[in-house]
Protein backbone atom coordinates (compact mmCIF):
# COMPACT_ATOMS: atom_id res chain seq x y z
CA UNK A 1 179.11 52.93 -298.65
CA UNK A 2 181.58 55.75 -299.39
CA UNK A 3 185.15 55.18 -300.42
CA UNK A 4 186.30 57.60 -297.71
CA UNK A 5 184.51 55.52 -295.02
CA UNK A 6 186.19 52.36 -296.23
CA UNK A 7 189.55 54.13 -296.22
CA UNK A 8 189.08 55.34 -292.62
CA UNK A 9 188.22 51.83 -291.43
CA UNK A 10 191.25 50.48 -293.27
CA UNK A 11 193.53 52.99 -291.57
CA UNK A 12 192.13 52.04 -288.16
CA UNK A 13 192.77 48.36 -288.91
CA UNK A 14 196.35 49.15 -289.92
CA UNK A 15 196.92 51.09 -286.68
CA UNK A 16 195.47 48.25 -284.59
CA UNK A 17 197.64 45.74 -286.46
CA UNK A 18 200.74 47.88 -285.87
CA UNK A 19 199.99 48.07 -282.14
CA UNK A 20 199.51 44.30 -281.98
CA UNK A 21 202.74 43.68 -283.86
CA UNK A 22 204.63 46.08 -281.60
CA UNK A 23 203.19 44.41 -278.50
CA UNK A 24 204.13 40.99 -279.85
CA UNK A 25 207.68 42.15 -280.59
CA UNK A 26 207.99 43.66 -277.11
CA UNK A 27 206.73 40.45 -275.51
CA UNK A 28 209.20 38.39 -277.54
CA UNK A 29 212.04 40.74 -276.62
CA UNK A 30 210.98 40.65 -272.98
CA UNK A 31 210.89 36.86 -273.00
CA UNK A 32 214.34 36.76 -274.54
CA UNK A 33 215.69 39.09 -271.87
CA UNK A 34 214.30 36.90 -269.10
CA UNK A 35 215.87 33.80 -270.61
CA UNK A 36 219.20 35.61 -270.94
CA UNK A 37 219.19 36.33 -267.22
CA UNK A 38 218.17 32.77 -266.39
CA UNK A 39 221.15 31.44 -268.34
CA UNK A 40 223.69 32.86 -265.89
CA UNK A 41 225.48 36.10 -265.06
CA UNK A 42 228.11 35.62 -267.76
CA UNK A 43 225.36 36.12 -270.36
CA UNK A 44 223.80 39.21 -268.81
CA UNK A 45 223.93 42.54 -270.64
CA UNK A 46 226.52 44.96 -269.23
CA UNK A 47 225.54 46.96 -266.16
CA UNK A 48 225.01 50.65 -266.87
CA UNK A 49 227.26 52.47 -264.39
CA UNK A 50 228.44 56.05 -264.51
CA UNK A 51 232.05 56.97 -265.21
CA UNK A 52 234.13 56.84 -262.05
CA UNK A 53 231.92 54.33 -260.24
CA UNK A 54 233.92 51.43 -258.79
CA UNK A 55 231.41 48.71 -259.59
CA UNK A 56 231.39 45.26 -258.03
CA UNK A 57 229.16 42.65 -259.75
CA UNK A 58 226.09 41.45 -257.91
CA UNK A 59 226.74 38.28 -255.93
CA UNK A 60 225.26 36.10 -253.19
CA UNK A 61 226.24 36.89 -249.63
CA UNK A 62 229.41 34.99 -248.61
CA UNK A 63 228.91 31.93 -246.43
CA UNK A 64 231.67 32.98 -244.05
CA UNK A 65 230.96 35.59 -241.38
CA UNK A 66 233.96 37.90 -240.85
CA UNK A 67 234.85 37.79 -237.15
CA UNK A 68 237.79 39.95 -236.02
CA UNK A 69 240.98 38.37 -234.71
CA UNK A 70 240.62 40.10 -231.34
CA UNK A 71 237.05 38.83 -230.91
CA UNK A 72 236.78 35.40 -232.56
CA UNK A 73 233.50 33.54 -232.66
CA UNK A 74 232.55 31.14 -229.90
CA UNK A 75 229.12 29.75 -229.21
CA UNK A 76 229.45 30.86 -225.58
CA UNK A 77 230.03 34.49 -226.59
CA UNK A 78 227.06 34.36 -228.93
CA UNK A 79 224.80 33.01 -226.14
CA UNK A 80 226.01 35.67 -223.71
CA UNK A 81 225.67 38.38 -226.35
CA UNK A 82 222.09 37.41 -227.10
CA UNK A 83 221.21 37.60 -223.40
CA UNK A 84 222.80 41.05 -223.09
CA UNK A 85 221.25 42.33 -226.34
CA UNK A 86 217.77 41.92 -224.85
CA UNK A 87 218.64 43.08 -221.31
CA UNK A 88 217.20 46.49 -220.42
CA UNK A 89 219.35 46.72 -217.30
CA UNK A 90 222.29 47.80 -219.41
CA UNK A 91 220.68 51.24 -219.80
CA UNK A 92 220.67 53.99 -217.20
CA UNK A 93 216.89 53.83 -216.85
CA UNK A 94 216.80 49.99 -216.92
CA UNK A 95 214.09 50.40 -219.57
CA UNK A 96 216.01 50.33 -222.87
CA UNK A 97 217.79 47.35 -224.41
CA UNK A 98 219.62 47.06 -227.71
CA UNK A 99 216.49 45.22 -228.88
CA UNK A 100 214.33 48.26 -228.10
CA UNK A 101 215.59 49.88 -231.32
CA UNK A 102 216.55 46.64 -233.08
CA UNK A 103 213.46 44.51 -232.64
CA UNK A 104 213.31 41.07 -234.33
CA UNK A 105 209.59 41.65 -234.91
CA UNK A 106 210.43 44.75 -236.99
CA UNK A 107 213.29 43.53 -239.14
CA UNK A 108 215.74 44.26 -236.31
CA UNK A 109 214.90 47.96 -236.58
CA UNK A 110 212.06 49.74 -234.73
CA UNK A 111 209.59 51.02 -237.33
CA UNK A 112 209.97 54.66 -236.20
CA UNK A 113 211.28 57.69 -238.05
CA UNK A 114 213.63 58.26 -235.14
CA UNK A 115 214.05 55.99 -232.16
CA UNK A 116 212.94 56.90 -228.64
CA UNK A 117 215.76 56.70 -226.10
CA UNK A 118 216.60 57.77 -222.55
CA UNK A 119 214.01 60.03 -220.88
CA UNK A 120 211.85 59.75 -224.01
CA UNK A 121 214.41 61.69 -226.02
CA UNK A 122 214.09 61.27 -229.77
CA UNK A 123 217.18 60.12 -231.60
CA UNK A 124 218.59 62.10 -234.49
CA UNK A 125 218.50 59.25 -237.04
CA UNK A 126 216.36 56.39 -238.22
CA UNK A 127 217.54 53.14 -236.60
CA UNK A 128 218.95 50.84 -239.30
CA UNK A 129 218.65 47.09 -239.10
CA UNK A 130 221.57 45.21 -237.54
CA UNK A 131 221.05 42.22 -239.85
CA UNK A 132 224.19 41.64 -241.95
CA UNK A 133 226.03 44.29 -239.94
CA UNK A 134 228.94 41.84 -239.78
CA UNK A 135 229.83 42.85 -243.34
CA UNK A 136 229.98 46.61 -242.72
CA UNK A 137 233.38 48.26 -242.72
CA UNK A 138 232.00 51.51 -241.29
CA UNK A 139 229.01 51.71 -238.98
CA UNK A 140 226.27 54.28 -238.29
CA UNK A 141 224.78 56.39 -241.06
CA UNK A 142 227.84 58.66 -240.97
CA UNK A 143 230.36 55.82 -240.64
CA UNK A 144 231.91 57.20 -237.48
CA UNK A 145 233.06 53.85 -236.07
CA UNK A 146 234.80 50.91 -237.73
CA UNK A 147 233.71 47.95 -235.59
CA UNK A 148 230.58 46.53 -234.03
CA UNK A 149 232.32 46.55 -230.66
CA UNK A 150 232.77 50.33 -230.93
CA UNK A 151 229.19 50.71 -232.14
CA UNK A 152 227.87 48.87 -229.08
CA UNK A 153 229.70 51.20 -226.71
CA UNK A 154 228.69 54.31 -228.68
CA UNK A 155 224.97 53.46 -228.53
CA UNK A 156 225.22 52.17 -224.97
CA UNK A 157 226.63 55.50 -223.73
CA UNK A 158 224.81 57.90 -226.08
CA UNK A 159 222.72 60.26 -223.90
CA UNK A 160 219.87 60.06 -226.44
CA UNK A 161 219.93 56.27 -226.57
CA UNK A 162 220.76 54.02 -223.60
CA UNK A 163 222.61 56.81 -221.72
CA UNK A 164 224.61 54.35 -219.65
CA UNK A 165 227.29 55.29 -217.17
CA UNK A 166 229.58 52.35 -217.82
CA UNK A 167 230.81 51.63 -214.27
CA UNK A 168 227.23 51.56 -212.96
CA UNK A 169 225.94 49.45 -215.86
CA UNK A 170 228.81 46.97 -215.54
CA UNK A 171 228.17 46.75 -211.81
CA UNK A 172 224.51 45.90 -212.34
CA UNK A 173 225.39 43.04 -214.68
CA UNK A 174 228.14 41.82 -212.34
CA UNK A 175 225.61 41.59 -209.51
CA UNK A 176 223.27 39.28 -211.45
CA UNK A 177 224.15 35.72 -210.46
CA UNK A 178 222.72 34.24 -213.65
CA UNK A 179 225.37 35.99 -215.75
CA UNK A 180 228.34 34.54 -213.87
CA UNK A 181 228.44 31.13 -215.62
CA UNK A 182 227.84 32.78 -219.00
CA UNK A 183 230.85 35.09 -218.60
CA UNK A 184 232.95 32.17 -217.40
CA UNK A 185 232.01 30.13 -220.48
CA UNK A 186 232.62 33.06 -222.82
CA UNK A 187 235.80 34.54 -221.35
CA UNK A 188 237.25 32.04 -218.88
CA UNK A 189 236.22 33.74 -215.64
CA UNK A 190 233.33 35.65 -214.08
CA UNK A 191 234.78 39.15 -214.50
CA UNK A 192 232.35 41.57 -216.13
CA UNK A 193 233.84 44.50 -218.05
CA UNK A 194 232.48 46.95 -220.60
CA UNK A 195 234.83 45.51 -223.23
CA UNK A 196 233.56 41.98 -222.61
CA UNK A 197 229.94 43.10 -222.78
CA UNK A 198 230.60 44.89 -226.08
CA UNK A 199 232.50 41.89 -227.47
CA UNK A 200 229.70 39.48 -226.61
CA UNK A 201 226.95 41.67 -228.07
CA UNK A 202 229.02 42.24 -231.22
CA UNK A 203 229.51 38.48 -231.59
CA UNK A 204 225.77 37.89 -231.36
CA UNK A 205 224.99 40.66 -233.86
CA UNK A 206 227.46 39.26 -236.38
CA UNK A 207 225.47 36.02 -236.48
CA UNK A 208 222.31 37.84 -237.62
CA UNK A 209 222.33 37.18 -241.34
CA UNK A 210 219.92 37.43 -244.24
CA UNK A 211 221.63 35.24 -246.81
CA UNK A 212 219.31 32.58 -248.24
CA UNK A 213 216.98 34.86 -250.17
CA UNK A 214 215.41 34.10 -253.54
CA UNK A 215 218.00 36.45 -255.03
CA UNK A 216 220.87 34.51 -253.43
CA UNK A 217 219.50 31.22 -254.74
CA UNK A 218 219.16 32.74 -258.21
CA UNK A 219 222.74 34.00 -258.09
CA UNK A 220 223.93 30.54 -257.01
CA UNK A 221 222.41 28.97 -260.10
CA UNK A 222 218.75 28.28 -259.30
CA UNK A 223 217.33 29.79 -262.49
CA UNK A 224 213.74 29.39 -261.27
CA UNK A 225 214.24 31.25 -257.98
CA UNK A 226 213.05 34.57 -259.46
CA UNK A 227 209.81 35.22 -261.31
CA UNK A 228 209.80 36.77 -264.77
CA UNK A 229 208.73 40.09 -263.27
CA UNK A 230 211.52 39.99 -260.69
CA UNK A 231 214.03 39.37 -263.46
CA UNK A 232 212.69 42.36 -265.38
CA UNK A 233 213.16 44.35 -262.18
CA UNK A 234 216.71 43.04 -261.85
CA UNK A 235 217.45 44.20 -265.39
CA UNK A 236 216.04 47.66 -264.69
CA UNK A 237 218.00 47.76 -261.42
CA UNK A 238 221.22 47.18 -263.40
CA UNK A 239 220.36 49.54 -266.27
CA UNK A 240 217.81 52.32 -266.73
CA UNK A 241 216.82 52.65 -263.07
CA UNK A 242 220.46 53.43 -262.17
CA UNK A 243 220.26 51.60 -258.83
CA UNK A 244 223.45 49.70 -259.59
CA UNK A 245 225.55 52.86 -259.30
CA UNK A 246 225.26 52.70 -255.50
CA UNK A 247 223.77 49.27 -254.77
CA UNK A 248 226.13 46.55 -255.98
CA UNK A 249 228.31 43.72 -254.74
CA UNK A 250 227.13 41.00 -252.33
CA UNK A 251 225.71 43.55 -249.87
CA UNK A 252 224.02 45.61 -252.60
CA UNK A 253 225.79 48.67 -251.21
CA UNK A 254 228.90 50.52 -252.31
CA UNK A 255 229.67 51.41 -248.69
CA UNK A 256 230.06 55.03 -249.76
CA UNK A 257 228.29 58.23 -248.75
CA UNK A 258 225.87 60.19 -250.91
CA UNK A 259 223.59 63.21 -250.50
CA UNK A 260 219.99 62.71 -251.67
CA UNK A 261 218.93 66.35 -251.49
CA UNK A 262 216.72 65.96 -248.43
CA UNK A 263 218.04 69.19 -246.93
CA UNK A 264 215.59 70.96 -249.23
CA UNK A 265 212.80 69.97 -246.84
CA UNK A 266 214.63 71.05 -243.68
CA UNK A 267 214.11 67.67 -242.03
CA UNK A 268 216.86 68.07 -239.46
CA UNK A 269 220.45 68.96 -238.83
CA UNK A 270 221.70 66.05 -240.89
CA UNK A 271 225.34 66.87 -241.52
CA UNK A 272 226.11 63.27 -242.36
CA UNK A 273 229.64 62.19 -243.21
CA UNK A 274 230.79 65.80 -242.70
CA UNK A 275 230.67 65.22 -238.93
CA UNK A 276 233.44 62.65 -239.38
CA UNK A 277 235.60 64.11 -242.14
CA UNK A 278 235.04 67.86 -241.92
CA UNK A 279 235.06 67.93 -245.72
CA UNK A 280 232.54 70.30 -247.32
CA UNK A 281 231.79 67.72 -250.03
CA UNK A 282 230.51 65.35 -247.33
CA UNK A 283 227.84 67.68 -245.93
CA UNK A 284 224.54 65.80 -245.97
CA UNK A 285 226.09 62.58 -247.31
CA UNK A 286 225.04 59.31 -245.66
CA UNK A 287 226.13 55.71 -246.05
CA UNK A 288 224.42 53.69 -248.77
CA UNK A 289 222.33 51.07 -246.95
CA UNK A 290 222.19 47.49 -248.07
CA UNK A 291 218.96 46.57 -249.83
CA UNK A 292 218.89 43.11 -248.27
CA UNK A 293 215.74 42.90 -246.17
CA UNK A 294 214.99 46.56 -246.82
CA UNK A 295 211.25 46.04 -247.27
CA UNK A 296 211.07 44.75 -243.68
CA UNK A 297 212.58 47.93 -242.23
CA UNK A 298 210.26 50.83 -243.06
CA UNK A 299 210.44 53.78 -242.83
CA UNK A 300 213.40 54.42 -245.13
CA UNK A 301 216.47 56.70 -245.31
CA UNK A 302 218.59 58.17 -242.54
CA UNK A 303 215.81 60.57 -241.58
CA UNK A 304 212.99 58.01 -241.70
CA UNK A 305 211.00 60.47 -243.79
CA UNK A 306 210.14 57.94 -246.52
CA UNK A 307 207.13 55.99 -245.28
CA UNK A 308 206.96 53.10 -247.72
CA UNK A 309 208.39 51.62 -250.89
CA UNK A 310 205.92 53.45 -253.16
CA UNK A 311 207.07 56.80 -251.80
CA UNK A 312 210.69 55.71 -252.16
CA UNK A 313 210.19 54.73 -255.80
CA UNK A 314 208.41 58.00 -256.55
CA UNK A 315 211.25 60.05 -255.05
CA UNK A 316 213.96 58.22 -256.97
CA UNK A 317 211.91 58.38 -260.16
CA UNK A 318 211.67 62.16 -259.96
CA UNK A 319 215.36 62.48 -259.04
CA UNK A 320 214.65 63.45 -255.43
CA UNK A 321 214.92 67.23 -255.08
CA UNK A 322 217.32 68.48 -257.69
CA UNK A 323 219.60 71.23 -256.41
CA UNK A 324 217.58 74.28 -255.41
CA UNK A 325 218.82 77.81 -254.95
CA UNK A 326 220.45 78.12 -251.55
CA UNK A 327 217.79 80.51 -250.26
CA UNK A 328 215.13 77.94 -251.13
CA UNK A 329 216.76 75.15 -249.17
CA UNK A 330 216.06 74.28 -245.57
CA UNK A 331 218.37 75.87 -243.06
CA UNK A 332 219.93 72.67 -241.74
CA UNK A 333 222.60 72.00 -244.37
CA UNK A 334 222.28 74.77 -246.96
CA UNK A 335 225.64 74.05 -248.61
CA UNK A 336 224.91 70.41 -249.42
CA UNK A 337 224.65 69.43 -253.06
CA UNK A 338 222.77 66.47 -254.50
CA UNK A 339 224.90 63.51 -255.56
CA UNK A 340 225.46 63.54 -259.34
CA UNK A 341 224.47 59.86 -259.32
CA UNK A 342 220.87 60.90 -258.58
CA UNK A 343 219.03 61.67 -261.81
CA UNK A 344 215.36 61.69 -262.90
CA UNK A 345 214.51 58.24 -264.28
CA UNK A 346 211.28 58.48 -266.29
CA UNK A 347 210.14 55.01 -265.23
CA UNK A 348 206.56 53.99 -265.94
CA UNK A 349 204.22 52.09 -263.64
CA UNK A 350 205.21 48.69 -265.04
CA UNK A 351 208.87 49.49 -264.48
CA UNK A 352 208.25 50.48 -260.87
CA UNK A 353 206.21 47.36 -260.17
CA UNK A 354 209.02 45.22 -261.60
CA UNK A 355 211.59 46.97 -259.39
CA UNK A 356 209.40 46.42 -256.33
CA UNK A 357 209.10 42.74 -257.25
CA UNK A 358 212.89 42.49 -257.46
CA UNK A 359 213.26 44.08 -254.01
CA UNK A 360 210.92 41.40 -252.67
CA UNK A 361 213.46 38.80 -253.82
CA UNK A 362 215.95 40.37 -251.39
CA UNK A 363 213.57 40.02 -248.47
CA UNK A 364 211.40 37.43 -246.79
CA UNK A 365 213.89 35.43 -244.76
CA UNK A 366 214.75 37.75 -241.87
CA UNK A 367 216.19 35.90 -238.86
CA UNK A 368 213.75 35.77 -235.96
CA UNK A 369 213.98 34.73 -232.32
CA UNK A 370 212.06 35.24 -229.11
CA UNK A 371 213.77 37.23 -226.35
CA UNK A 372 215.45 35.04 -223.72
CA UNK A 373 214.18 34.91 -220.16
CA UNK A 374 215.67 37.66 -218.01
CA UNK A 375 218.42 36.36 -215.75
CA UNK A 376 218.35 36.79 -211.99
């Protein structure tokens, strides 16, 4: 046997040993990281947030639902609101209810890129879930209203949604005998008004909560509520994956507006927050959605163009579409610029699987109910 052959085998053994030692060290480090997270948030490594980001620590959803002073919670208003939420007779065609686009079977969304409204018209946005909407300070993807009551009226009268003429819609509900005792219980008399209808529906929607997730239990001190892989995903979420820049606080949303660069693909006239503010910096910027229950509400983003979580992860990993030359952009919002918070991530397959596992900890407990019987 030659000396050179022995030397080659020895080098291979050294390389194998080095790989094994590195793997062992990584496993030990990984195990230590998991235990650090299980020991409580005070021990966690610092979140990696960009300069200028107003970061709120991750937290469980508050137990208290914020009801406004001018529309306080009562069980009677909730019951009435539920009945109205599922009633198609509120719409001009008598074929579209709030639940048509916010279906409890579909995570209180509708599973479409854009919803189908009056006269089969396609909406201009993906319908977001209404679960946890009670905690939103600004509503719709562009944040154009500040209360659920206003949101109800806006969707109720939108010609591409329910297209209601309010006097006619109110009259139809007033004429239904079964509603009379419900309005009396909720408001003190039988009078039906658009404001009362909106108040009742808003009350019902505020009670739709996704709060007791595995993530919430983990944040409340149940150290075994998350798997090791989910904890690795949580760590990535707070650090290298950069999710924490926009998704933080109890709602896992900063409530702000960001442009993801989707105008590159000319997917629609999505002016975003610009429609509200008129500020050039807001062109193409949309509200950061909460990640609570997100996996139950595909497709994703304001345009509904992202079909599933694998596509979503791939887009964020590549940094979406980094700013292209203006002539190469789509013609819908050519002046929009990608948010500086969006950067290529260089995550590997294990990282992505861990992030997906963490997102699963935010899901799985969506509220569900059967539609009530239609009143006569």
